[in-house]
C-alpha atoms as a PDB file:
ATOM      1  CA  MET A   1      20.502  20.005 -58.218  1.00  0.00           C
ATOM      2  CA  ASN A   2      23.313  20.824 -55.804  1.00  0.00           C
ATOM      3  CA  PHE A   3      23.816  18.391 -52.922  1.00  0.00           C
ATOM      4  CA  SER A   4      23.660  21.076 -50.234  1.00  0.00           C
ATOM      5  CA  THR A   5      20.394  22.496 -51.578  1.00  0.00           C
ATOM      6  CA  TYR A   6      19.051  18.986 -52.073  1.00  0.00           C
ATOM      7  CA  TYR A   7      19.737  18.028 -48.446  1.00  0.00           C
ATOM      8  CA  GLU A   8      18.274  21.322 -47.216  1.00  0.00           C
ATOM      9  CA  TYR A   9      15.167  20.667 -49.292  1.00  0.00           C
ATOM     10  CA  HIS A  10      14.985  17.110 -47.944  1.00  0.00           C
ATOM     11  CA  GLN A  11      15.278  18.303 -44.327  1.00  0.00           C
ATOM     12  CA  GLY A  12      12.733  21.055 -44.933  1.00  0.00           C
ATOM     13  CA  LEU A  13      10.165  18.611 -46.235  1.00  0.00           C
ATOM     14  CA  GLY A  14      10.805  16.130 -43.450  1.00  0.00           C
ATOM     15  CA  GLY A  15      10.284  13.022 -45.601  1.00  0.00           C
ATOM     16  CA  GLY A  16      12.425  10.555 -47.524  1.00  0.00           C
ATOM     17  CA  PRO A  17      12.969  11.197 -51.296  1.00  0.00           C
ATOM     18  CA  PRO A  18      12.206   8.452 -53.857  1.00  0.00           C
ATOM     19  CA  LEU A  19      14.890   6.288 -55.503  1.00  0.00           C
ATOM     20  CA  ALA A  20      14.550   8.186 -58.808  1.00  0.00           C
ATOM     21  CA  VAL A  21      15.843  11.339 -57.135  1.00  0.00           C
ATOM     22  CA  PHE A  22      18.844   9.422 -55.764  1.00  0.00           C
ATOM     23  CA  ALA A  23      19.545   7.960 -59.236  1.00  0.00           C
ATOM     24  CA  ALA A  24      19.419  11.391 -60.878  1.00  0.00           C
ATOM     25  CA  ALA A  25      21.667  12.845 -58.190  1.00  0.00           C
ATOM     26  CA  ALA A  26      24.153   9.978 -58.620  1.00  0.00           C
ATOM     27  CA  ALA A  27      24.231  10.499 -62.436  1.00  0.00           C
ATOM     28  CA  ALA A  28      24.794  14.238 -62.006  1.00  0.00           C
ATOM     29  CA  ALA A  29      27.586  13.598 -59.515  1.00  0.00           C
ATOM     30  CA  ALA A  30      29.290  11.103 -61.885  1.00  0.00           C
ATOM     31  CA  ALA A  31      29.114  13.624 -64.754  1.00  0.00           C
ATOM     32  CA  ALA A  32      30.586  16.367 -62.577  1.00  0.00           C
ATOM     33  CA  GLY A  33      33.281  14.078 -61.142  1.00  0.00           C
ATOM     34  CA  LEU A  34      31.940  14.236 -57.600  1.00  0.00           C
ATOM     35  CA  PRO A  35      31.349  11.261 -55.276  1.00  0.00           C
ATOM     36  CA  ALA A  36      27.872   9.772 -55.390  1.00  0.00           C
ATOM     37  CA  PRO A  37      25.504  10.572 -52.500  1.00  0.00           C
ATOM     38  CA  PRO A  38      24.628   7.773 -50.074  1.00  0.00           C
ATOM     39  CA  LEU A  39      21.472   5.747 -50.707  1.00  0.00           C
ATOM     40  CA  LYS A  40      20.324   6.132 -47.105  1.00  0.00           C
ATOM     41  CA  PRO A  41      18.849   9.568 -46.354  1.00  0.00           C
ATOM     42  CA  PRO A  42      20.527  11.695 -43.679  1.00  0.00           C
ATOM     43  CA  PRO A  43      19.042  11.581 -40.156  1.00  0.00           C
ATOM     44  CA  LEU A  44      15.903  13.634 -39.678  1.00  0.00           C
ATOM     45  CA  ARG A  45      16.606  16.735 -37.601  1.00  0.00           C
ATOM     46  CA  LEU A  46      14.203  19.572 -37.016  1.00  0.00           C
ATOM     47  CA  HIS A  47      15.273  23.118 -37.819  1.00  0.00           C
ATOM     48  CA  SER A  48      14.291  26.090 -35.730  1.00  0.00           C
ATOM     49  CA  ARG A  49      11.445  26.841 -38.166  1.00  0.00           C
ATOM     50  CA  GLN A  50      10.021  23.364 -37.864  1.00  0.00           C
ATOM     51  CA  ARG A  51      10.302  23.541 -34.090  1.00  0.00           C
ATOM     52  CA  LEU A  52       8.372  26.815 -34.147  1.00  0.00           C
ATOM     53  CA  ARG A  53       5.711  25.161 -36.290  1.00  0.00           C
ATOM     54  CA  VAL A  54       5.349  22.233 -33.899  1.00  0.00           C
ATOM     55  CA  ALA A  55       5.258  24.529 -30.865  1.00  0.00           C
ATOM     56  CA  ALA A  56       2.621  26.766 -32.467  1.00  0.00           C
ATOM     57  CA  ALA A  57       0.442  23.794 -33.410  1.00  0.00           C
ATOM     58  CA  ALA A  58       0.712  22.332 -29.903  1.00  0.00           C
ATOM     59  CA  LEU A  59      -0.126  25.656 -28.261  1.00  0.00           C
ATOM     60  CA  SER A  60      -3.087  26.192 -30.571  1.00  0.00           C
ATOM     61  CA  LEU A  61      -4.451  22.726 -29.756  1.00  0.00           C
ATOM     62  CA  ILE A  62      -3.976  23.293 -26.007  1.00  0.00           C
ATOM     63  CA  LEU A  63      -5.721  26.680 -26.143  1.00  0.00           C
ATOM     64  CA  LEU A  64      -8.597  25.238 -28.152  1.00  0.00           C
ATOM     65  CA  ALA A  65      -8.989  22.369 -25.682  1.00  0.00           C
ATOM     66  CA  LEU A  66      -8.982  24.815 -22.766  1.00  0.00           C
ATOM     67  CA  SER A  67     -11.590  27.018 -24.440  1.00  0.00           C
ATOM     68  CA  PHE A  68     -13.939  24.078 -25.070  1.00  0.00           C
ATOM     69  CA  LEU A  69     -13.398  22.828 -21.525  1.00  0.00           C
ATOM     70  CA  ARG A  70     -14.284  26.277 -20.273  1.00  0.00           C
ATOM     71  CA  LEU A  71     -17.391  26.148 -22.433  1.00  0.00           C
ATOM     72  CA  TYR A  72     -18.343  22.772 -20.928  1.00  0.00           C
ATOM     73  CA  LEU A  73     -17.704  23.754 -17.321  1.00  0.00           C
ATOM     74  CA  HIS A  74     -19.148  27.245 -17.278  1.00  0.00           C
ATOM     75  CA  CYS A  75     -21.605  29.123 -19.456  1.00  0.00           C
ATOM     76  CA  PHE A  76     -22.137  30.040 -23.118  1.00  0.00           C
ATOM     77  CA  GLU A  77     -19.760  33.006 -22.852  1.00  0.00           C
ATOM     78  CA  ALA A  78     -16.818  30.749 -23.648  1.00  0.00           C
ATOM     79  CA  ALA A  79     -18.334  29.979 -27.058  1.00  0.00           C
ATOM     80  CA  VAL A  80     -17.338  33.446 -28.277  1.00  0.00           C
ATOM     81  CA  PRO A  81     -13.529  33.106 -27.791  1.00  0.00           C
ATOM     82  CA  ALA A  82     -13.641  29.492 -28.983  1.00  0.00           C
ATOM     83  CA  VAL A  83     -15.428  30.397 -32.233  1.00  0.00           C
ATOM     84  CA  CYS A  84     -13.218  33.437 -32.739  1.00  0.00           C
ATOM     85  CA  SER A  85     -10.034  31.427 -32.254  1.00  0.00           C
ATOM     86  CA  VAL A  86     -11.228  28.706 -34.671  1.00  0.00           C
ATOM     87  CA  ALA A  87     -12.173  31.265 -37.321  1.00  0.00           C
ATOM     88  CA  LEU A  88      -8.868  33.104 -36.981  1.00  0.00           C
ATOM     89  CA  LEU A  89      -6.932  29.862 -37.234  1.00  0.00           C
ATOM     90  CA  LEU A  90      -8.784  28.888 -40.420  1.00  0.00           C
ATOM     91  CA  LEU A  91      -8.167  32.298 -41.977  1.00  0.00           C
ATOM     92  CA  LEU A  92      -4.485  32.170 -41.091  1.00  0.00           C
ATOM     93  CA  GLN A  93      -4.214  28.634 -42.478  1.00  0.00           C
ATOM     94  CA  GLN A  94      -5.574  29.830 -45.823  1.00  0.00           C
ATOM     95  CA  HIS A  95      -3.622  33.086 -46.063  1.00  0.00           C
ATOM     96  CA  SER A  96      -0.377  32.079 -44.320  1.00  0.00           C
ATOM     97  CA  SER A  97       2.736  32.055 -46.471  1.00  0.00           C
ATOM     98  CA  ARG A  98       4.171  28.600 -46.977  1.00  0.00           C
ATOM     99  CA  ARG A  99       7.617  29.989 -47.674  1.00  0.00           C
ATOM    100  CA  HIS A 100       7.874  31.557 -44.233  1.00  0.00           C
ATOM    101  CA  PRO A 101       6.458  29.097 -41.676  1.00  0.00           C
ATOM    102  CA  ALA A 102       7.941  31.022 -38.750  1.00  0.00           C
ATOM    103  CA  ALA A 103       5.949  34.122 -39.685  1.00  0.00           C
ATOM    104  CA  ALA A 104       2.770  32.049 -40.041  1.00  0.00           C
ATOM    105  CA  ALA A 105       3.333  30.508 -36.612  1.00  0.00           C
ATOM    106  CA  LYS A 106       3.812  33.951 -35.087  1.00  0.00           C
ATOM    107  CA  GLN A 107       0.590  35.154 -36.746  1.00  0.00           C
ATOM    108  CA  ARG A 108      -1.307  32.192 -35.292  1.00  0.00           C
ATOM    109  CA  LEU A 109       0.021  32.869 -31.815  1.00  0.00           C
ATOM    110  CA  VAL A 110      -0.908  36.549 -32.086  1.00  0.00           C
ATOM    111  CA  ALA A 111      -4.431  35.622 -33.244  1.00  0.00           C
ATOM    112  CA  LEU A 112      -4.923  33.200 -30.368  1.00  0.00           C
ATOM    113  CA  ALA A 113      -3.680  35.773 -27.872  1.00  0.00           C
ATOM    114  CA  GLY A 114      -6.134  38.289 -29.291  1.00  0.00           C
ATOM    115  CA  ALA A 115      -9.021  35.838 -29.004  1.00  0.00           C
ATOM    116  CA  TRP A 116      -8.208  35.145 -25.363  1.00  0.00           C
ATOM    117  CA  ALA A 117      -7.823  38.866 -24.640  1.00  0.00           C
ATOM    118  CA  PHE A 118     -11.277  39.420 -26.137  1.00  0.00           C
ATOM    119  CA  ALA A 119     -12.671  36.668 -23.901  1.00  0.00           C
ATOM    120  CA  ALA A 120     -11.085  38.279 -20.828  1.00  0.00           C
ATOM    121  CA  PHE A 121     -12.622  41.601 -21.842  1.00  0.00           C
ATOM    122  CA  LEU A 122     -16.048  39.963 -22.069  1.00  0.00           C
ATOM    123  CA  ASP A 123     -15.590  38.446 -18.615  1.00  0.00           C
ATOM    124  CA  SER A 124     -14.433  41.652 -16.946  1.00  0.00           C
ATOM    125  CA  THR A 125     -17.150  43.976 -18.293  1.00  0.00           C
ATOM    126  CA  THR A 126     -20.920  44.043 -18.278  1.00  0.00           C
ATOM    127  CA  VAL A 127     -21.192  43.572 -22.047  1.00  0.00           C
ATOM    128  CA  ALA A 128     -21.720  39.837 -21.518  1.00  0.00           C
ATOM    129  CA  ASP A 129     -24.665  40.549 -19.212  1.00  0.00           C
ATOM    130  CA  TYR A 130     -26.518  42.376 -21.996  1.00  0.00           C
ATOM    131  CA  LEU A 131     -25.434  40.226 -24.933  1.00  0.00           C
ATOM    132  CA  PHE A 132     -25.510  36.646 -23.610  1.00  0.00           C
ATOM    133  CA  ILE A 133     -28.089  36.650 -20.803  1.00  0.00           C
ATOM    134  CA  PRO A 134     -30.266  33.502 -21.134  1.00  0.00           C
ATOM    135  CA  GLU A 135     -33.931  33.429 -20.242  1.00  0.00           C
ATOM    136  CA  PRO A 136     -34.263  33.516 -16.440  1.00  0.00           C
ATOM    137  CA  THR A 137     -35.572  30.310 -14.938  1.00  0.00           C
ATOM    138  CA  ALA A 138     -37.845  30.022 -11.927  1.00  0.00           C
ATOM    139  CA  ALA A 139     -35.017  28.693  -9.740  1.00  0.00           C
ATOM    140  CA  ALA A 140     -32.708  31.556 -10.741  1.00  0.00           C
ATOM    141  CA  ALA A 141     -35.424  34.143 -10.075  1.00  0.00           C
ATOM    142  CA  ALA A 142     -36.178  32.624  -6.670  1.00  0.00           C
ATOM    143  CA  ALA A 143     -32.485  32.587  -5.766  1.00  0.00           C
ATOM    144  CA  ALA A 144     -32.098  36.231  -6.816  1.00  0.00           C
ATOM    145  CA  ALA A 145     -35.161  37.251  -4.789  1.00  0.00           C
ATOM    146  CA  ALA A 146     -33.888  35.396  -1.732  1.00  0.00           C
ATOM    147  CA  ALA A 147     -30.477  37.041  -2.053  1.00  0.00           C
ATOM    148  CA  ALA A 148     -32.053  40.488  -2.390  1.00  0.00           C
ATOM    149  CA  ALA A 149     -34.385  39.914   0.580  1.00  0.00           C
ATOM    150  CA  GLY A 150     -31.650  38.515   2.810  1.00  0.00           C
ATOM    151  CA  GLY A 151     -29.205  41.288   2.115  1.00  0.00           C
ATOM    152  CA  GLY A 152     -26.980  39.138  -0.041  1.00  0.00           C
ATOM    153  CA  ILE A 153     -24.954  40.158  -3.069  1.00  0.00           C
ATOM    154  CA  ASN A 154     -25.939  43.406  -4.745  1.00  0.00           C
ATOM    155  CA  GLN A 155     -27.287  43.194  -8.286  1.00  0.00           C
ATOM    156  CA  GLN A 156     -24.596  45.529  -9.624  1.00  0.00           C
ATOM    157  CA  GLN A 157     -21.899  43.434  -7.940  1.00  0.00           C
ATOM    158  CA  HIS A 158     -23.494  40.293  -9.356  1.00  0.00           C
ATOM    159  CA  ARG A 159     -23.362  41.801 -12.820  1.00  0.00           C
ATOM    160  CA  ASN A 160     -19.710  42.687 -12.501  1.00  0.00           C
ATOM    161  CA  THR A 161     -18.743  39.161 -11.421  1.00  0.00           C
ATOM    162  CA  PRO A 162     -17.427  36.757 -14.102  1.00  0.00           C
ATOM    163  CA  TYR A 163     -19.951  34.393 -15.638  1.00  0.00           C
ATOM    164  CA  ALA A 164     -22.786  36.523 -14.302  1.00  0.00           C
ATOM    165  CA  ALA A 165     -25.128  35.439 -17.095  1.00  0.00           C
ATOM    166  CA  CYS A 166     -25.385  31.889 -15.817  1.00  0.00           C
ATOM    167  CA  GLY A 167     -24.672  32.578 -12.166  1.00  0.00           C
ATOM    168  CA  GLY A 168     -28.121  31.529 -10.989  1.00  0.00           C
ATOM    169  CA  ILE A 169     -27.997  28.273 -12.906  1.00  0.00           C
ATOM    170  CA  ARG A 170     -24.508  27.557 -11.636  1.00  0.00           C
ATOM    171  CA  GLU A 171     -25.523  28.304  -8.038  1.00  0.00           C
ATOM    172  CA  ASP A 172     -28.546  26.012  -8.347  1.00  0.00           C
ATOM    173  CA  TYR A 173     -26.353  23.274  -9.742  1.00  0.00           C
ATOM    174  CA  ASP A 174     -23.827  23.731  -6.922  1.00  0.00           C
ATOM    175  CA  GLN A 175     -26.593  23.612  -4.323  1.00  0.00           C
ATOM    176  CA  GLN A 176     -27.989  20.430  -5.841  1.00  0.00           C
ATOM    177  CA  GLN A 177     -24.543  18.841  -5.834  1.00  0.00           C
ATOM    178  CA  GLN A 178     -24.011  19.830  -2.196  1.00  0.00           C
ATOM    179  CA  GLN A 179     -27.391  18.400  -1.224  1.00  0.00           C
ATOM    180  CA  LYS A 180     -26.620  15.166  -3.068  1.00  0.00           C
ATOM    181  CA  SER A 181     -23.246  14.849  -1.357  1.00  0.00           C
ATOM    182  CA  GLN A 182     -24.817  15.515   2.049  1.00  0.00           C
ATOM    183  CA  GLN A 183     -27.514  12.930   1.399  1.00  0.00           C
ATOM    184  CA  GLN A 184     -24.905  10.376   0.335  1.00  0.00           C
ATOM    185  CA  GLN A 185     -22.868  11.029   3.475  1.00  0.00           C
ATOM    186  CA  GLN A 186     -25.952  10.662   5.664  1.00  0.00           C
ATOM    187  CA  GLN A 187     -26.895   7.418   3.929  1.00  0.00           C
ATOM    188  CA  GLN A 188     -23.384   6.054   4.398  1.00  0.00           C
ATOM    189  CA  GLN A 189     -23.420   6.969   8.088  1.00  0.00           C
ATOM    190  CA  GLN A 190     -26.826   5.344   8.543  1.00  0.00           C
ATOM    191  CA  GLN A 191     -25.636   2.186   6.793  1.00  0.00           C
ATOM    192  CA  LYS A 192     -22.554   2.034   9.016  1.00  0.00           C
ATOM    193  CA  GLN A 193     -24.676   2.467  12.142  1.00  0.00           C
ATOM    194  CA  GLN A 194     -27.093  -0.221  10.995  1.00  0.00           C
ATOM    195  CA  GLN A 195     -24.218  -2.617  10.316  1.00  0.00           C
ATOM    196  CA  LYS A 196     -22.763  -1.971  13.773  1.00  0.00           C
ATOM    197  CA  GLN A 197     -26.141  -2.541  15.415  1.00  0.00           C
ATOM    198  CA  GLN A 198     -26.655  -5.770  13.482  1.00  0.00           C
ATOM    199  CA  GLN A 199     -23.214  -7.042  14.486  1.00  0.00           C
ATOM    200  CA  GLN A 200     -23.859  -6.224  18.138  1.00  0.00           C
ATOM    201  CA  GLN A 201     -27.243  -7.949  18.041  1.00  0.00           C
ATOM    202  CA  GLN A 202     -25.726 -11.050  16.440  1.00  0.00           C
ATOM    203  CA  GLN A 203     -23.003 -11.194  19.084  1.00  0.00           C
ATOM    204  CA  GLN A 204     -25.542 -10.864  21.888  1.00  0.00           C
ATOM    205  CA  ILE A 205     -27.708 -13.594  20.363  1.00  0.00           C
ATOM    206  CA  GLN A 206     -24.717 -15.936  20.070  1.00  0.00           C
ATOM    207  CA  ILE A 207     -23.697 -15.321  23.689  1.00  0.00           C
ATOM    208  CA  GLN A 208     -27.244 -15.972  24.899  1.00  0.00           C
ATOM    209  CA  GLN A 209     -27.462 -19.194  22.894  1.00  0.00           C
ATOM    210  CA  GLN A 210     -24.172 -20.451  24.321  1.00  0.00           C
ATOM    211  CA  GLN A 211     -25.278 -19.684  27.868  1.00  0.00           C
ATOM    212  CA  GLN A 212     -28.591 -21.483  27.344  1.00  0.00           C
ATOM    213  CA  GLN A 213     -26.830 -24.550  25.927  1.00  0.00           C
ATOM    214  CA  GLN A 214     -24.468 -24.710  28.903  1.00  0.00           C
ATOM    215  CA  LYS A 215     -27.367 -24.445  31.348  1.00  0.00           C
ATOM    216  CA  GLN A 216     -29.287 -27.188  29.561  1.00  0.00           C
ATOM    217  CA  GLN A 217     -26.266 -29.503  29.614  1.00  0.00           C
ATOM    218  CA  GLN A 218     -25.745 -28.942  33.336  1.00  0.00           C
ATOM    219  CA  GLN A 219     -29.412 -29.615  34.068  1.00  0.00           C
ATOM    220  CA  GLN A 220     -29.347 -32.818  32.025  1.00  0.00           C
ATOM    221  CA  GLN A 221     -26.261 -34.080  33.865  1.00  0.00           C
ATOM    222  CA  GLN A 222     -27.831 -33.358  37.240  1.00  0.00           C
ATOM    223  CA  GLN A 223     -31.041 -35.132  36.257  1.00  0.00           C
ATOM    224  CA  GLN A 224     -29.125 -38.198  35.071  1.00  0.00           C
ATOM    225  CA  GLN A 225     -27.177 -38.382  38.325  1.00  0.00           C
ATOM    226  CA  GLN A 226     -30.355 -38.123  40.390  1.00  0.00           C
ATOM    227  CA  ILE A 227     -32.034 -40.857  38.335  1.00  0.00           C
ATOM    228  CA  GLN A 228     -29.054 -43.172  38.781  1.00  0.00           C
ATOM    229  CA  ILE A 229     -29.063 -42.623  42.534  1.00  0.00           C
ATOM    230  CA  GLN A 230     -32.789 -43.291  42.809  1.00  0.00           C
ATOM    231  CA  VAL A 231     -32.562 -46.475  40.732  1.00  0.00           C
ATOM    232  CA  SER A 232     -29.673 -47.800  42.793  1.00  0.00           C
ATOM    233  CA  LEU A 233     -31.554 -47.128  46.045  1.00  0.00           C
ATOM    234  CA  GLN A 234     -34.707 -48.837  44.827  1.00  0.00           C
ATOM    235  CA  LEU A 235     -32.915 -51.975  43.617  1.00  0.00           C
ATOM    236  CA  CYS A 236     -30.770 -52.417  46.676  1.00  0.00           C
ATOM    237  CA  THR A 237     -32.087 -54.838  49.333  1.00  0.00           C
ATOM    238  CA  CYS A 238     -30.692 -55.788  52.684  1.00  0.00           C
ATOM    239  CA  HIS A 239     -28.695 -58.656  51.236  1.00  0.00           C
ATOM    240  CA  GLN A 240     -27.329 -56.386  48.553  1.00  0.00           C
ATOM    241  CA  LEU A 241     -26.503 -53.820  51.167  1.00  0.00           C
ATOM    242  CA  LYS A 242     -24.558 -56.466  53.099  1.00  0.00           C
ATOM    243  CA  GLN A 243     -22.754 -57.472  49.960  1.00  0.00           C
ATOM    244  CA  THR A 244     -21.876 -53.887  49.270  1.00  0.00           C
ATOM    245  CA  LYS A 245     -20.606 -53.550  52.820  1.00  0.00           C
ATOM    246  CA  THR A 246     -18.403 -56.630  52.495  1.00  0.00           C
ATOM    247  CA  ALA A 247     -17.216 -55.442  49.126  1.00  0.00           C
ATOM    248  CA  GLY A 248     -16.407 -52.093  50.640  1.00  0.00           C
ATOM    249  CA  SER A 249     -14.456 -53.690  53.452  1.00  0.00           C
ATOM    250  CA  LEU A 250     -12.575 -55.865  50.990  1.00  0.00           C
ATOM    251  CA  GLY A 251     -11.822 -52.806  48.941  1.00  0.00           C
ATOM    252  CA  LEU A 252     -10.446 -51.053  51.988  1.00  0.00           C
ATOM    253  CA  LEU A 253      -8.261 -54.036  52.819  1.00  0.00           C
ATOM    254  CA  TYR A 254      -6.987 -54.182  49.270  1.00  0.00           C
ATOM    255  CA  GLY A 255      -6.253 -50.487  49.379  1.00  0.00           C
ATOM    256  CA  ASN A 256      -4.391 -50.803  52.663  1.00  0.00           C
ATOM    257  CA  THR A 257      -2.223 -53.602  51.304  1.00  0.00           C
ATOM    258  CA  LYS A 258      -1.398 -51.488  48.277  1.00  0.00           C
ATOM    259  CA  VAL A 259      -0.346 -48.605  50.487  1.00  0.00           C
ATOM    260  CA  LYS A 260       1.879 -50.874  52.564  1.00  0.00           C
ATOM    261  CA  GLN A 261       3.534 -52.315  49.484  1.00  0.00           C
ATOM    262  CA  ASN A 262       4.257 -48.845  48.168  1.00  0.00           C
ATOM    263  CA  LYS A 263       5.834 -47.828  51.468  1.00  0.00           C
ATOM    264  CA  LYS A 264       8.083 -50.891  51.429  1.00  0.00           C
ATOM    265  CA  ARG A 265       9.215 -50.122  47.904  1.00  0.00           C
ATOM    266  CA  GLU A 266      10.066 -46.570  48.855  1.00  0.00           C
ATOM    267  CA  LYS A 267      12.114 -47.764  51.831  1.00  0.00           C
ATOM    268  CA  LYS A 268      14.042 -50.196  49.628  1.00  0.00           C
ATOM    269  CA  LYS A 269      14.801 -47.444  47.155  1.00  0.00           C
ATOM    270  CA  LYS A 270      16.090 -45.185  49.918  1.00  0.00           C
ATOM    271  CA  LYS A 271      18.338 -47.952  51.243  1.00  0.00           C
ATOM    272  CA  LYS A 272      19.785 -48.580  47.799  1.00  0.00           C
ATOM    273  CA  LYS A 273      20.531 -44.889  47.386  1.00  0.00           C
ATOM    274  CA  LYS A 274      22.322 -44.770  50.733  1.00  0.00           C
ATOM    275  CA  LYS A 275      24.400 -47.813  49.832  1.00  0.00           C
ATOM    276  CA  LYS A 276      25.411 -46.257  46.552  1.00  0.00           C
ATOM    277  CA  LYS A 277      26.501 -43.091  48.309  1.00  0.00           C
ATOM    278  CA  LYS A 278      28.576 -45.050  50.812  1.00  0.00           C
ATOM    279  CA  MET A 279      30.254 -47.061  48.065  1.00  0.00           C
ATOM    280  CA  LYS A 280      31.120 -43.894  46.236  1.00  0.00           C
ATOM    281  CA  LYS A 281      32.672 -42.417  49.364  1.00  0.00           C
ATOM    282  CA  LYS A 282      34.721 -45.585  49.944  1.00  0.00           C
ATOM    283  CA  LYS A 283      35.938 -45.572  46.374  1.00  0.00           C
ATOM    284  CA  THR A 284      37.012 -41.969  46.614  1.00  0.00           C
ATOM    285  CA  LYS A 285      38.885 -42.659  49.856  1.00  0.00           C
ATOM    286  CA  LYS A 286      40.722 -45.629  48.351  1.00  0.00           C
ATOM    287  CA  GLU A 287      41.679 -43.622  45.302  1.00  0.00           C
ATOM    288  CA  ARG A 288      43.023 -40.817  47.468  1.00  0.00           C
ATOM    289  CA  LYS A 289      45.127 -43.295  49.482  1.00  0.00           C
ATOM    290  CA  LYS A 290      46.537 -44.790  46.301  1.00  0.00           C
ATOM    291  CA  ARG A 291      47.465 -41.351  44.987  1.00  0.00           C
ATOM    292  CA  CYS A 292      49.170 -40.421  48.268  1.00  0.00           C
ATOM    293  CA  ASN A 293      51.132 -43.671  48.289  1.00  0.00           C
ATOM    294  CA  ARG A 294      52.293 -43.097  44.744  1.00  0.00           C
ATOM    295  CA  VAL A 295      53.472 -39.605  45.559  1.00  0.00           C
ATOM    296  CA  TYR A 296      55.293 -40.841  48.655  1.00  0.00           C
ATOM    297  CA  LEU A 297      57.062 -43.560  46.674  1.00  0.00           C
ATOM    298  CA  LEU A 298      58.130 -41.063  44.042  1.00  0.00           C
ATOM    299  CA  LEU A 299      59.564 -38.787  46.696  1.00  0.00           C
ATOM    300  CA  GLN A 300      61.503 -41.700  48.240  1.00  0.00           C
ATOM    301  CA  LEU A 301      62.904 -42.651  44.852  1.00  0.00           C
ATOM    302  CA  LEU A 302      63.968 -39.072  44.217  1.00  0.00           C
ATOM    303  CA  ALA A 303      65.686 -38.892  47.635  1.00  0.00           C
ATOM    304  CA  ALA A 304      67.543 -42.179  47.028  1.00  0.00           C
ATOM    305  CA  ALA A 305      68.654 -41.001  43.601  1.00  0.00           C
ATOM    306  CA  ALA A 306      69.892 -37.732  45.082  1.00  0.00           C
ATOM    307  CA  ALA A 307      71.840 -39.574  47.822  1.00  0.00           C
ATOM    308  CA  ALA A 308      73.421 -41.907  45.241  1.00  0.00           C
ATOM    309  CA  ALA A 309      74.446 -38.984  43.100  1.00  0.00           C
ATOM    310  CA  ALA A 310      76.009 -37.209  46.080  1.00  0.00           C
ATOM    311  CA  ALA A 311      77.937 -40.358  47.093  1.00  0.00           C
ATOM    312  CA  ALA A 312      79.262 -40.784  43.574  1.00  0.00           C
ATOM    313  CA  ALA A 313      80.412 -37.192  43.470  1.00  0.00           C
ATOM    314  CA  ALA A 314      82.178 -37.492  46.842  1.00  0.00           C
ATOM    315  CA  ALA A 315      83.923 -40.689  45.784  1.00  0.00           C
ATOM    316  CA  GLU A 316      85.273 -38.977  42.706  1.00  0.00           C
ATOM    317  CA  ILE A 317      86.567 -36.041  44.704  1.00  0.00           C
ATOM    318  CA  GLY A 318      87.959 -38.275  47.472  1.00  0.00           C
ATOM    319  CA  ALA A 319      86.484 -36.330  50.298  1.00  0.00           C
ATOM    320  CA  PRO A 320      84.594 -38.088  53.060  1.00  0.00           C
ATOM    321  CA  LEU A 321      80.883 -37.643  53.204  1.00  0.00           C
END
């Protein structure tokens, strides 16, 4: 086996060869005088054919999933393209040539496109109305009668619409879903309103309770004060009244003495403050005098020094002053 063909075969298969193949290739290379191939296989890289295979498989899976989803969401019409596409894929899988994977992938894509074109043809014509019409239900018949009586959609127009076979069932289902959603919204709104009302009622009840408690406390305090006053009046006699009077007079005297003492203290404090201010002023005056005297002395010293210097200069020159 040539090394180039061997590597092409290895990359075409997409899997690692066994050790026996490497041993045989190494023996053949040694006999031919060629270097032995490496034990590690070359890195796996997809050719254009393999990429086409992967793309075709992915597209086929996506189209199948879409067809079954269409079958689930809408009516039984989608079963026809789904079954056709599955059958065509199986036939192509059996009869596709393994030597030419690109051609097989193209055939699969063409088959899938044909199946979807057939489905579009069924949707756009009235053949589906006559082939796949289910038994009419009471709800569908009532809806059709109401539409005809109210001047709704014409029967011929309804036939030409896509998914006409199950239109009544779909409309009933949509109406039920709309009613359910409306009921849920109404229930949610009612619950919100009830919650708001309950919160407001609770707040009002709390405010009323607080007000009642405050009123009760005030009434109790007033009653206690009145009871104390009445008891004190009943127990007091003339002698006690005299004692209270003397005590009151003594209290007044004591209060007056306190006031006088406070006034004296304030006067003393004011006097002390005045004295401090005066002392500060005196100190500042003395300091100013000292500074002035120092400056005056310095000036005198400077004048004497200047006169001495002038006399010395005149003596040196010999001129009279």
